[in-house]
Amino acid sequence: MHTIESFRRDGAPAPSTLRLHHDASSDAHWCFMHAGPGAGLPDYRPCFSPGLLRELRLFAQSSIERMAARAAADPGHLSHVVLASDAPVFNLGGDLQLFVELIRRRDRDALARYARQCVDNIHLLHGRLHPNAHTIALVQGDALGGGFELALACGTIVAERGVQMGFPEALFGLFPGMGAYSLLVQRVSPRVAEAMMLDGTLHDSETLHRMGLVDVLVEPGEGVPAVHERIRRHRRIAGARLALHRVREGAHPVALSELVRITEIWVDTAMQLDDRHLRTMERLVRAQRRLQPADARAGRTAAGG
């Protein structure tokens, strides 16, 4: 039985789109997106709204503080950060409604600020938040665009069978510009990465597991136990796991400057989209609104148990 404690920074309001838990028995920091009162609003979409981006950053800061305190007392301790979702999807990516509004207003600066928030989160997550941490994406529903990028930024991807992941941005004249290329080429060849970014194809988790993009593939409903098992395995070899992190980061670094440079290209491309592309985005927004959170997804527990 795992001890699960809700947590938040002292004096801070409870997140409105996140469900946060700390599993004290394994020092695992769980973050379920698209939860809480904010996610229950009629027009809520399970994407990277500015509000969700801010709350993810607060979650990261809180986790960093806790992990730093633990590492100071025990330098060899291994913590975990788990990203998951309470919605029927993991995350549908960028806030398309916001994109449409900013592009029509010709507000390049605001679009660039949004993109920078995204890559700041991606870079922080790819850096594991803390040297003594390992990050896990638990994908139990579709992960599209920026949602797939978020999963790729994690050290381990655990996915259930039947979910789809991919980059649909080409359908409305864009490309995934918040880290996709830099993260994909750490797992597949540049040729495969470019094809995935440009063809708009969604791939099932079984295919991505064969490609090496999904690390752990499990049956529907088995994702949470699989994460607990992966955490147990890592803790048994904590010293080796932490050492391998340092090896991998030295061999395949992803610089924030690289991510920011790509977002500049992305913003320039977005500002050139025509009304046909913007109408396509608006149709996708209407489809996203039908994907409401499902009260912590019936049948799932908070983080196992």
C-alpha atoms as a PDB file:
ATOM      1  CA  MET A   1       0.000   0.000   0.000  1.00  0.00           C
ATOM      2  CA  HIS A   2       1.478   3.345  -1.053  1.00  0.00           C
ATOM      3  CA  THR A   3       1.283   6.436   1.109  1.00  0.00           C
ATOM      4  CA  ILE A   4      -0.117   9.162  -1.137  1.00  0.00           C
ATOM      5  CA  GLU A   5      -0.135  12.729   0.120  1.00  0.00           C
ATOM      6  CA  SER A   6      -1.586  15.721  -1.701  1.00  0.00           C
ATOM      7  CA  PHE A   7       0.892  18.562  -1.678  1.00  0.00           C
ATOM      8  CA  ARG A   8       1.351  22.171  -2.709  1.00  0.00           C
ATOM      9  CA  ARG A   9       3.741  24.950  -1.906  1.00  0.00           C
ATOM     10  CA  ASP A  10       3.034  26.571   1.461  1.00  0.00           C
ATOM     11  CA  GLY A  11       0.650  29.478   1.069  1.00  0.00           C
ATOM     12  CA  ALA A  12       0.025  28.818  -2.614  1.00  0.00           C
ATOM     13  CA  PRO A  13      -3.487  28.219  -3.963  1.00  0.00           C
ATOM     14  CA  ALA A  14      -4.305  24.680  -5.023  1.00  0.00           C
ATOM     15  CA  PRO A  15      -3.711  24.171  -8.767  1.00  0.00           C
ATOM     16  CA  SER A  16      -6.893  24.433 -10.809  1.00  0.00           C
ATOM     17  CA  THR A  17      -5.921  22.063 -13.639  1.00  0.00           C
ATOM     18  CA  LEU A  18      -3.523  19.666 -11.877  1.00  0.00           C
ATOM     19  CA  ARG A  19      -3.924  16.833  -9.389  1.00  0.00           C
ATOM     20  CA  LEU A  20      -0.693  16.471  -7.432  1.00  0.00           C
ATOM     21  CA  HIS A  21       0.433  13.689  -5.120  1.00  0.00           C
ATOM     22  CA  HIS A  22       3.616  12.734  -3.364  1.00  0.00           C
ATOM     23  CA  ASP A  23       4.172   9.022  -2.805  1.00  0.00           C
ATOM     24  CA  ALA A  24       6.318   9.148   0.311  1.00  0.00           C
ATOM     25  CA  SER A  25       7.109   5.418   0.180  1.00  0.00           C
ATOM     26  CA  SER A  26       9.050   5.826  -3.078  1.00  0.00           C
ATOM     27  CA  ASP A  27       9.588   9.593  -3.145  1.00  0.00           C
ATOM     28  CA  ALA A  28       7.625   9.849  -6.405  1.00  0.00           C
ATOM     29  CA  HIS A  29       6.055  13.174  -7.356  1.00  0.00           C
ATOM     30  CA  TRP A  30       2.923  12.550  -9.423  1.00  0.00           C
ATOM     31  CA  CYS A  31       1.298  15.219 -11.600  1.00  0.00           C
ATOM     32  CA  PHE A  32      -2.027  14.514 -13.318  1.00  0.00           C
ATOM     33  CA  MET A  33      -2.909  17.152 -15.903  1.00  0.00           C
ATOM     34  CA  HIS A  34      -6.462  18.252 -16.753  1.00  0.00           C
ATOM     35  CA  ALA A  35      -7.921  17.805 -13.277  1.00  0.00           C
ATOM     36  CA  GLY A  36      -9.540  19.939 -10.613  1.00  0.00           C
ATOM     37  CA  PRO A  37     -12.147  22.696 -10.882  1.00  0.00           C
ATOM     38  CA  GLY A  38     -10.453  24.451 -13.807  1.00  0.00           C
ATOM     39  CA  ALA A  39     -10.659  21.355 -15.962  1.00  0.00           C
ATOM     40  CA  GLY A  40     -14.385  21.058 -15.306  1.00  0.00           C
ATOM     41  CA  LEU A  41     -15.267  24.248 -17.154  1.00  0.00           C
ATOM     42  CA  PRO A  42     -17.512  23.755 -20.205  1.00  0.00           C
ATOM     43  CA  ASP A  43     -14.926  25.146 -22.643  1.00  0.00           C
ATOM     44  CA  TYR A  44     -11.909  23.381 -21.123  1.00  0.00           C
ATOM     45  CA  ARG A  45      -9.624  21.686 -23.633  1.00  0.00           C
ATOM     46  CA  PRO A  46      -6.902  19.212 -22.579  1.00  0.00           C
ATOM     47  CA  CYS A  47      -4.110  21.188 -24.214  1.00  0.00           C
ATOM     48  CA  PHE A  48      -1.271  23.452 -23.090  1.00  0.00           C
ATOM     49  CA  SER A  49      -3.231  26.515 -22.094  1.00  0.00           C
ATOM     50  CA  PRO A  50      -1.188  29.366 -20.553  1.00  0.00           C
ATOM     51  CA  GLY A  51      -2.740  28.445 -17.200  1.00  0.00           C
ATOM     52  CA  LEU A  52      -1.641  24.825 -17.436  1.00  0.00           C
ATOM     53  CA  LEU A  53       1.870  25.893 -18.428  1.00  0.00           C
ATOM     54  CA  ARG A  54       2.105  28.147 -15.364  1.00  0.00           C
ATOM     55  CA  GLU A  55       0.861  25.416 -13.043  1.00  0.00           C
ATOM     56  CA  LEU A  56       3.262  22.857 -14.490  1.00  0.00           C
ATOM     57  CA  ARG A  57       6.083  25.285 -13.748  1.00  0.00           C
ATOM     58  CA  LEU A  58       4.895  25.681 -10.141  1.00  0.00           C
ATOM     59  CA  PHE A  59       4.715  21.900  -9.804  1.00  0.00           C
ATOM     60  CA  ALA A  60       8.268  21.667 -11.121  1.00  0.00           C
ATOM     61  CA  GLN A  61       9.518  24.272  -8.655  1.00  0.00           C
ATOM     62  CA  SER A  62       7.824  22.530  -5.731  1.00  0.00           C
ATOM     63  CA  SER A  63       9.264  19.165  -6.773  1.00  0.00           C
ATOM     64  CA  ILE A  64      12.743  20.625  -7.194  1.00  0.00           C
ATOM     65  CA  GLU A  65      12.667  22.043  -3.680  1.00  0.00           C
ATOM     66  CA  ARG A  66      11.582  18.729  -2.169  1.00  0.00           C
ATOM     67  CA  MET A  67      14.118  16.709  -4.167  1.00  0.00           C
ATOM     68  CA  ALA A  68      16.954  19.114  -3.345  1.00  0.00           C
ATOM     69  CA  ALA A  69      16.210  18.795   0.373  1.00  0.00           C
ATOM     70  CA  ARG A  70      16.164  14.991   0.118  1.00  0.00           C
ATOM     71  CA  ALA A  71      19.402  14.889  -1.897  1.00  0.00           C
ATOM     72  CA  ALA A  72      21.139  17.168   0.609  1.00  0.00           C
ATOM     73  CA  ALA A  73      20.415  14.623   3.337  1.00  0.00           C
ATOM     74  CA  ASP A  74      21.162  11.595   1.127  1.00  0.00           C
ATOM     75  CA  PRO A  75      23.330  12.380  -1.943  1.00  0.00           C
ATOM     76  CA  GLY A  76      22.702   8.940  -3.468  1.00  0.00           C
ATOM     77  CA  HIS A  77      18.914   9.118  -3.205  1.00  0.00           C
ATOM     78  CA  LEU A  78      16.855   8.742  -6.408  1.00  0.00           C
ATOM     79  CA  SER A  79      13.534  10.590  -6.727  1.00  0.00           C
ATOM     80  CA  HIS A  80      10.945  10.234  -9.494  1.00  0.00           C
ATOM     81  CA  VAL A  81       8.608  12.655 -11.243  1.00  0.00           C
ATOM     82  CA  VAL A  82       5.599  11.155 -13.055  1.00  0.00           C
ATOM     83  CA  LEU A  83       3.454  13.066 -15.558  1.00  0.00           C
ATOM     84  CA  ALA A  84       0.010  11.667 -16.357  1.00  0.00           C
ATOM     85  CA  SER A  85      -3.525  12.867 -17.141  1.00  0.00           C
ATOM     86  CA  ASP A  86      -7.053  12.721 -15.766  1.00  0.00           C
ATOM     87  CA  ALA A  87      -8.572  13.429 -19.188  1.00  0.00           C
ATOM     88  CA  PRO A  88      -9.375  10.809 -21.851  1.00  0.00           C
ATOM     89  CA  VAL A  89      -6.153  12.021 -23.519  1.00  0.00           C
ATOM     90  CA  PHE A  90      -2.644  12.690 -22.233  1.00  0.00           C
ATOM     91  CA  ASN A  91      -2.393  16.106 -23.884  1.00  0.00           C
ATOM     92  CA  LEU A  92      -3.470  17.473 -27.266  1.00  0.00           C
ATOM     93  CA  GLY A  93      -0.599  19.931 -27.535  1.00  0.00           C
ATOM     94  CA  GLY A  94      -0.594  23.649 -28.231  1.00  0.00           C
ATOM     95  CA  ASP A  95      -3.477  26.000 -27.471  1.00  0.00           C
ATOM     96  CA  LEU A  96      -4.864  26.282 -31.009  1.00  0.00           C
ATOM     97  CA  GLN A  97      -7.534  28.811 -30.053  1.00  0.00           C
ATOM     98  CA  LEU A  98      -4.844  31.080 -28.664  1.00  0.00           C
ATOM     99  CA  PHE A  99      -2.757  30.587 -31.803  1.00  0.00           C
ATOM    100  CA  VAL A 100      -5.653  31.672 -34.012  1.00  0.00           C
ATOM    101  CA  GLU A 101      -6.334  34.777 -31.911  1.00  0.00           C
ATOM    102  CA  LEU A 102      -2.699  35.894 -31.798  1.00  0.00           C
ATOM    103  CA  ILE A 103      -2.039  35.262 -35.478  1.00  0.00           C
ATOM    104  CA  ARG A 104      -5.151  37.181 -36.512  1.00  0.00           C
ATOM    105  CA  ARG A 105      -4.098  40.061 -34.237  1.00  0.00           C
ATOM    106  CA  ARG A 106      -0.553  39.875 -35.692  1.00  0.00           C
ATOM    107  CA  ASP A 107       0.764  39.657 -32.131  1.00  0.00           C
ATOM    108  CA  ARG A 108       4.083  37.982 -32.774  1.00  0.00           C
ATOM    109  CA  ASP A 109       5.537  38.942 -29.381  1.00  0.00           C
ATOM    110  CA  ALA A 110       2.735  37.203 -27.457  1.00  0.00           C
ATOM    111  CA  LEU A 111       3.055  34.077 -29.594  1.00  0.00           C
ATOM    112  CA  ALA A 112       6.804  34.058 -29.002  1.00  0.00           C
ATOM    113  CA  ARG A 113       6.266  34.383 -25.229  1.00  0.00           C
ATOM    114  CA  TYR A 114       3.910  31.396 -25.285  1.00  0.00           C
ATOM    115  CA  ALA A 115       6.444  29.336 -27.251  1.00  0.00           C
ATOM    116  CA  ARG A 116       9.191  30.266 -24.814  1.00  0.00           C
ATOM    117  CA  GLN A 117       7.048  29.112 -21.873  1.00  0.00           C
ATOM    118  CA  CYS A 118       6.614  25.772 -23.623  1.00  0.00           C
ATOM    119  CA  VAL A 119      10.309  25.172 -24.298  1.00  0.00           C
ATOM    120  CA  ASP A 120      11.273  26.357 -20.821  1.00  0.00           C
ATOM    121  CA  ASN A 121       9.072  23.571 -19.423  1.00  0.00           C
ATOM    122  CA  ILE A 122      10.397  21.040 -21.943  1.00  0.00           C
ATOM    123  CA  HIS A 123      14.024  21.914 -21.196  1.00  0.00           C
ATOM    124  CA  LEU A 124      13.464  21.784 -17.451  1.00  0.00           C
ATOM    125  CA  LEU A 125      11.792  18.395 -17.731  1.00  0.00           C
ATOM    126  CA  HIS A 126      14.422  17.018 -20.102  1.00  0.00           C
ATOM    127  CA  GLY A 127      17.008  18.034 -17.520  1.00  0.00           C
ATOM    128  CA  ARG A 128      15.139  15.845 -14.991  1.00  0.00           C
ATOM    129  CA  LEU A 129      14.347  18.870 -12.759  1.00  0.00           C
ATOM    130  CA  HIS A 130      17.120  17.764 -10.389  1.00  0.00           C
ATOM    131  CA  PRO A 131      20.312  15.670 -10.816  1.00  0.00           C
ATOM    132  CA  ASN A 132      18.892  13.069  -8.404  1.00  0.00           C
ATOM    133  CA  ALA A 133      15.619  12.605 -10.294  1.00  0.00           C
ATOM    134  CA  HIS A 134      14.227  10.451 -13.077  1.00  0.00           C
ATOM    135  CA  THR A 135      11.162  11.515 -15.086  1.00  0.00           C
ATOM    136  CA  ILE A 136       8.402   9.217 -16.355  1.00  0.00           C
ATOM    137  CA  ALA A 137       5.536   9.971 -18.742  1.00  0.00           C
ATOM    138  CA  LEU A 138       2.492   7.766 -18.150  1.00  0.00           C
ATOM    139  CA  VAL A 139       0.550   7.892 -21.428  1.00  0.00           C
ATOM    140  CA  GLN A 140      -2.922   6.373 -21.059  1.00  0.00           C
ATOM    141  CA  GLY A 141      -4.568   8.481 -23.774  1.00  0.00           C
ATOM    142  CA  ASP A 142      -3.534  10.163 -27.006  1.00  0.00           C
ATOM    143  CA  ALA A 143      -0.494  12.474 -26.932  1.00  0.00           C
ATOM    144  CA  LEU A 144      -0.457  14.861 -29.886  1.00  0.00           C
ATOM    145  CA  GLY A 145       1.877  17.663 -30.902  1.00  0.00           C
ATOM    146  CA  GLY A 146       3.230  19.316 -27.775  1.00  0.00           C
ATOM    147  CA  GLY A 147       1.741  16.498 -25.704  1.00  0.00           C
ATOM    148  CA  PHE A 148       3.995  14.036 -27.510  1.00  0.00           C
ATOM    149  CA  GLU A 149       6.935  16.423 -27.064  1.00  0.00           C
ATOM    150  CA  LEU A 150       6.245  16.518 -23.320  1.00  0.00           C
ATOM    151  CA  ALA A 151       6.337  12.713 -23.158  1.00  0.00           C
ATOM    152  CA  LEU A 152       9.550  12.593 -25.230  1.00  0.00           C
ATOM    153  CA  ALA A 153      11.200  15.002 -22.788  1.00  0.00           C
ATOM    154  CA  CYS A 154      10.870  12.384 -20.030  1.00  0.00           C
ATOM    155  CA  GLY A 155      13.498   9.759 -19.312  1.00  0.00           C
ATOM    156  CA  THR A 156      10.980   6.903 -19.610  1.00  0.00           C
ATOM    157  CA  ILE A 157       7.695   6.642 -21.508  1.00  0.00           C
ATOM    158  CA  VAL A 158       5.179   4.099 -20.187  1.00  0.00           C
ATOM    159  CA  ALA A 159       2.238   3.766 -22.579  1.00  0.00           C
ATOM    160  CA  GLU A 160      -0.880   1.654 -22.638  1.00  0.00           C
ATOM    161  CA  ARG A 161      -1.877  -0.222 -25.769  1.00  0.00           C
ATOM    162  CA  GLY A 162      -4.287   1.509 -28.105  1.00  0.00           C
ATOM    163  CA  VAL A 163      -3.225   5.114 -27.543  1.00  0.00           C
ATOM    164  CA  GLN A 164      -1.954   7.238 -30.413  1.00  0.00           C
ATOM    165  CA  MET A 165       0.896   9.703 -30.560  1.00  0.00           C
ATOM    166  CA  GLY A 166       2.131  11.953 -33.316  1.00  0.00           C
ATOM    167  CA  PHE A 167       2.426  15.408 -34.792  1.00  0.00           C
ATOM    168  CA  PRO A 168      -0.634  16.671 -36.689  1.00  0.00           C
ATOM    169  CA  GLU A 169       0.770  20.216 -37.096  1.00  0.00           C
ATOM    170  CA  ALA A 170       1.384  19.794 -40.836  1.00  0.00           C
ATOM    171  CA  LEU A 171      -2.401  19.580 -41.300  1.00  0.00           C
ATOM    172  CA  PHE A 172      -2.618  23.309 -40.575  1.00  0.00           C
ATOM    173  CA  GLY A 173       0.683  24.446 -42.080  1.00  0.00           C
ATOM    174  CA  LEU A 174       2.909  24.226 -39.010  1.00  0.00           C
ATOM    175  CA  PHE A 175       5.573  21.896 -37.639  1.00  0.00           C
ATOM    176  CA  PRO A 176       6.103  20.725 -34.031  1.00  0.00           C
ATOM    177  CA  GLY A 177       8.481  23.412 -32.810  1.00  0.00           C
ATOM    178  CA  MET A 178       8.724  22.925 -29.055  1.00  0.00           C
ATOM    179  CA  GLY A 179      11.496  20.325 -29.009  1.00  0.00           C
ATOM    180  CA  ALA A 180      10.259  17.537 -31.277  1.00  0.00           C
ATOM    181  CA  TYR A 181      13.304  17.313 -33.544  1.00  0.00           C
ATOM    182  CA  SER A 182      15.874  17.642 -30.752  1.00  0.00           C
ATOM    183  CA  LEU A 183      14.124  14.971 -28.683  1.00  0.00           C
ATOM    184  CA  LEU A 184      13.276  12.555 -31.488  1.00  0.00           C
ATOM    185  CA  VAL A 185      16.836  12.325 -32.836  1.00  0.00           C
ATOM    186  CA  GLN A 186      17.941  10.993 -29.468  1.00  0.00           C
ATOM    187  CA  ARG A 187      15.787   7.919 -30.123  1.00  0.00           C
ATOM    188  CA  VAL A 188      15.435   7.600 -33.929  1.00  0.00           C
ATOM    189  CA  SER A 189      17.366   8.701 -37.015  1.00  0.00           C
ATOM    190  CA  PRO A 190      17.021  12.265 -38.364  1.00  0.00           C
ATOM    191  CA  ARG A 191      15.280  10.864 -41.458  1.00  0.00           C
ATOM    192  CA  VAL A 192      12.626   9.131 -39.343  1.00  0.00           C
ATOM    193  CA  ALA A 193      12.276  12.197 -37.127  1.00  0.00           C
ATOM    194  CA  GLU A 194      11.647  14.481 -40.100  1.00  0.00           C
ATOM    195  CA  ALA A 195       9.095  12.084 -41.583  1.00  0.00           C
ATOM    196  CA  MET A 196       7.209  11.920 -38.292  1.00  0.00           C
ATOM    197  CA  MET A 197       7.181  15.712 -38.027  1.00  0.00           C
ATOM    198  CA  LEU A 198       5.928  16.358 -41.542  1.00  0.00           C
ATOM    199  CA  ASP A 199       3.547  13.563 -42.567  1.00  0.00           C
ATOM    200  CA  GLY A 200       0.868  14.262 -39.925  1.00  0.00           C
ATOM    201  CA  THR A 201       0.518  10.529 -39.224  1.00  0.00           C
ATOM    202  CA  LEU A 202      -0.594   9.339 -35.796  1.00  0.00           C
ATOM    203  CA  HIS A 203       1.141   6.179 -34.617  1.00  0.00           C
ATOM    204  CA  ASP A 204      -0.244   3.658 -32.157  1.00  0.00           C
ATOM    205  CA  SER A 205       1.723   2.871 -29.023  1.00  0.00           C
ATOM    206  CA  GLU A 206       2.557  -0.622 -30.279  1.00  0.00           C
ATOM    207  CA  THR A 207       4.311   0.812 -33.344  1.00  0.00           C
ATOM    208  CA  LEU A 208       6.158   3.397 -31.278  1.00  0.00           C
ATOM    209  CA  HIS A 209       7.309   0.683 -28.881  1.00  0.00           C
ATOM    210  CA  ARG A 210       8.813  -1.250 -31.794  1.00  0.00           C
ATOM    211  CA  MET A 211      10.533   1.955 -32.946  1.00  0.00           C
ATOM    212  CA  GLY A 212      12.051   2.508 -29.515  1.00  0.00           C
ATOM    213  CA  LEU A 213      10.058   5.661 -28.761  1.00  0.00           C
ATOM    214  CA  VAL A 214       7.926   3.982 -26.081  1.00  0.00           C
ATOM    215  CA  ASP A 215       9.988   2.270 -23.394  1.00  0.00           C
ATOM    216  CA  VAL A 216       7.305   0.230 -21.608  1.00  0.00           C
ATOM    217  CA  LEU A 217       4.118  -1.020 -23.307  1.00  0.00           C
ATOM    218  CA  VAL A 218       1.300  -2.408 -21.155  1.00  0.00           C
ATOM    219  CA  GLU A 219      -2.342  -3.354 -21.448  1.00  0.00           C
ATOM    220  CA  PRO A 220      -5.053  -0.716 -20.886  1.00  0.00           C
ATOM    221  CA  GLY A 221      -5.458  -0.019 -17.183  1.00  0.00           C
ATOM    222  CA  GLU A 222      -2.014  -1.401 -16.309  1.00  0.00           C
ATOM    223  CA  GLY A 223      -0.088   1.855 -16.685  1.00  0.00           C
ATOM    224  CA  VAL A 224       0.008   2.874 -13.017  1.00  0.00           C
ATOM    225  CA  PRO A 225       1.267  -0.521 -11.752  1.00  0.00           C
ATOM    226  CA  ALA A 226       3.871  -0.489 -14.544  1.00  0.00           C
ATOM    227  CA  VAL A 227       5.148   2.889 -13.354  1.00  0.00           C
ATOM    228  CA  HIS A 228       5.398   1.632  -9.778  1.00  0.00           C
ATOM    229  CA  GLU A 229       7.366  -1.379 -10.995  1.00  0.00           C
ATOM    230  CA  ARG A 230       9.719   0.798 -13.023  1.00  0.00           C
ATOM    231  CA  ILE A 231      10.311   3.007  -9.973  1.00  0.00           C
ATOM    232  CA  ARG A 232      11.086  -0.055  -7.847  1.00  0.00           C
ATOM    233  CA  ARG A 233      13.592  -1.286 -10.456  1.00  0.00           C
ATOM    234  CA  HIS A 234      15.305   2.090 -10.594  1.00  0.00           C
ATOM    235  CA  ARG A 235      15.571   2.354  -6.818  1.00  0.00           C
ATOM    236  CA  ARG A 236      17.310  -1.042  -6.656  1.00  0.00           C
ATOM    237  CA  ILE A 237      20.079   0.330  -8.886  1.00  0.00           C
ATOM    238  CA  ALA A 238      19.886   4.003  -7.925  1.00  0.00           C
ATOM    239  CA  GLY A 239      23.632   4.660  -8.148  1.00  0.00           C
ATOM    240  CA  ALA A 240      23.930   3.167 -11.624  1.00  0.00           C
ATOM    241  CA  ARG A 241      20.763   4.951 -12.787  1.00  0.00           C
ATOM    242  CA  LEU A 242      22.072   8.342 -11.660  1.00  0.00           C
ATOM    243  CA  ALA A 243      25.476   7.692 -13.210  1.00  0.00           C
ATOM    244  CA  LEU A 244      23.898   6.736 -16.545  1.00  0.00           C
ATOM    245  CA  HIS A 245      21.955  10.005 -16.510  1.00  0.00           C
ATOM    246  CA  ARG A 246      25.217  11.903 -16.395  1.00  0.00           C
ATOM    247  CA  VAL A 247      26.667   9.801 -19.203  1.00  0.00           C
ATOM    248  CA  ARG A 248      23.641  10.286 -21.464  1.00  0.00           C
ATOM    249  CA  GLU A 249      23.354  14.010 -20.832  1.00  0.00           C
ATOM    250  CA  GLY A 250      27.004  14.501 -21.734  1.00  0.00           C
ATOM    251  CA  ALA A 251      26.642  12.504 -24.941  1.00  0.00           C
ATOM    252  CA  HIS A 252      23.278  13.949 -26.078  1.00  0.00           C
ATOM    253  CA  PRO A 253      22.802  17.416 -24.572  1.00  0.00           C
ATOM    254  CA  VAL A 254      19.807  19.543 -25.575  1.00  0.00           C
ATOM    255  CA  ALA A 255      20.649  23.197 -25.050  1.00  0.00           C
ATOM    256  CA  LEU A 256      17.942  25.714 -24.202  1.00  0.00           C
ATOM    257  CA  SER A 257      19.436  27.998 -26.859  1.00  0.00           C
ATOM    258  CA  GLU A 258      18.761  25.312 -29.481  1.00  0.00           C
ATOM    259  CA  LEU A 259      15.127  25.000 -28.420  1.00  0.00           C
ATOM    260  CA  VAL A 260      14.658  28.775 -28.409  1.00  0.00           C
ATOM    261  CA  ARG A 261      16.188  29.082 -31.897  1.00  0.00           C
ATOM    262  CA  ILE A 262      13.696  26.522 -33.223  1.00  0.00           C
ATOM    263  CA  THR A 263      10.770  28.325 -31.615  1.00  0.00           C
ATOM    264  CA  GLU A 264      11.751  31.480 -33.496  1.00  0.00           C
ATOM    265  CA  ILE A 265      11.409  29.542 -36.742  1.00  0.00           C
ATOM    266  CA  TRP A 266       8.095  28.164 -35.509  1.00  0.00           C
ATOM    267  CA  VAL A 267       6.743  31.622 -34.677  1.00  0.00           C
ATOM    268  CA  ASP A 268       7.800  32.998 -38.062  1.00  0.00           C
ATOM    269  CA  THR A 269       6.051  30.070 -39.764  1.00  0.00           C
ATOM    270  CA  ALA A 270       2.901  30.539 -37.683  1.00  0.00           C
ATOM    271  CA  MET A 271       2.670  34.221 -38.544  1.00  0.00           C
ATOM    272  CA  GLN A 272       2.588  33.316 -42.244  1.00  0.00           C
ATOM    273  CA  LEU A 273      -0.432  31.001 -41.983  1.00  0.00           C
ATOM    274  CA  ASP A 274      -3.432  31.939 -44.124  1.00  0.00           C
ATOM    275  CA  ASP A 275      -7.119  31.903 -43.254  1.00  0.00           C
ATOM    276  CA  ARG A 276      -7.565  28.362 -44.575  1.00  0.00           C
ATOM    277  CA  HIS A 277      -5.047  27.070 -42.035  1.00  0.00           C
ATOM    278  CA  LEU A 278      -6.640  29.091 -39.236  1.00  0.00           C
ATOM    279  CA  ARG A 279     -10.082  27.673 -40.035  1.00  0.00           C
ATOM    280  CA  THR A 280      -8.600  24.169 -39.793  1.00  0.00           C
ATOM    281  CA  MET A 281      -7.294  25.031 -36.319  1.00  0.00           C
ATOM    282  CA  GLU A 282     -10.736  26.263 -35.297  1.00  0.00           C
ATOM    283  CA  ARG A 283     -12.340  22.982 -36.397  1.00  0.00           C
ATOM    284  CA  LEU A 284      -9.817  21.094 -34.283  1.00  0.00           C
ATOM    285  CA  VAL A 285     -10.588  23.330 -31.305  1.00  0.00           C
ATOM    286  CA  ARG A 286     -14.269  22.401 -31.557  1.00  0.00           C
ATOM    287  CA  ALA A 287     -13.304  18.713 -31.567  1.00  0.00           C
ATOM    288  CA  GLN A 288     -11.044  19.221 -28.530  1.00  0.00           C
ATOM    289  CA  ARG A 289     -13.887  20.702 -26.498  1.00  0.00           C
ATOM    290  CA  ARG A 290     -15.695  17.370 -26.658  1.00  0.00           C
ATOM    291  CA  LEU A 291     -12.865  15.717 -24.707  1.00  0.00           C
ATOM    292  CA  GLN A 292     -13.767  16.558 -21.129  1.00  0.00           C
ATOM    293  CA  PRO A 293     -11.932  15.123 -18.087  1.00  0.00           C
ATOM    294  CA  ALA A 294     -13.640  12.042 -16.736  1.00  0.00           C
ATOM    295  CA  ASP A 295     -13.611  12.523 -12.962  1.00  0.00           C
ATOM    296  CA  ALA A 296     -10.141  11.110 -12.460  1.00  0.00           C
ATOM    297  CA  ARG A 297     -10.889   8.554 -15.173  1.00  0.00           C
ATOM    298  CA  ALA A 298     -13.160   6.007 -13.559  1.00  0.00           C
ATOM    299  CA  GLY A 299     -11.358   2.879 -12.513  1.00  0.00           C
ATOM    300  CA  ARG A 300      -8.015   4.575 -11.842  1.00  0.00           C
ATOM    301  CA  THR A 301      -6.627   5.364  -8.437  1.00  0.00           C
ATOM    302  CA  ALA A 302      -4.706   8.516  -7.603  1.00  0.00           C
ATOM    303  CA  ALA A 303      -1.302   6.991  -8.223  1.00  0.00           C
ATOM    304  CA  GLY A 304      -1.734   3.308  -7.646  1.00  0.00           C
ATOM    305  CA  GLY A 305      -2.310   1.924  -4.210  1.00  0.00           C
END
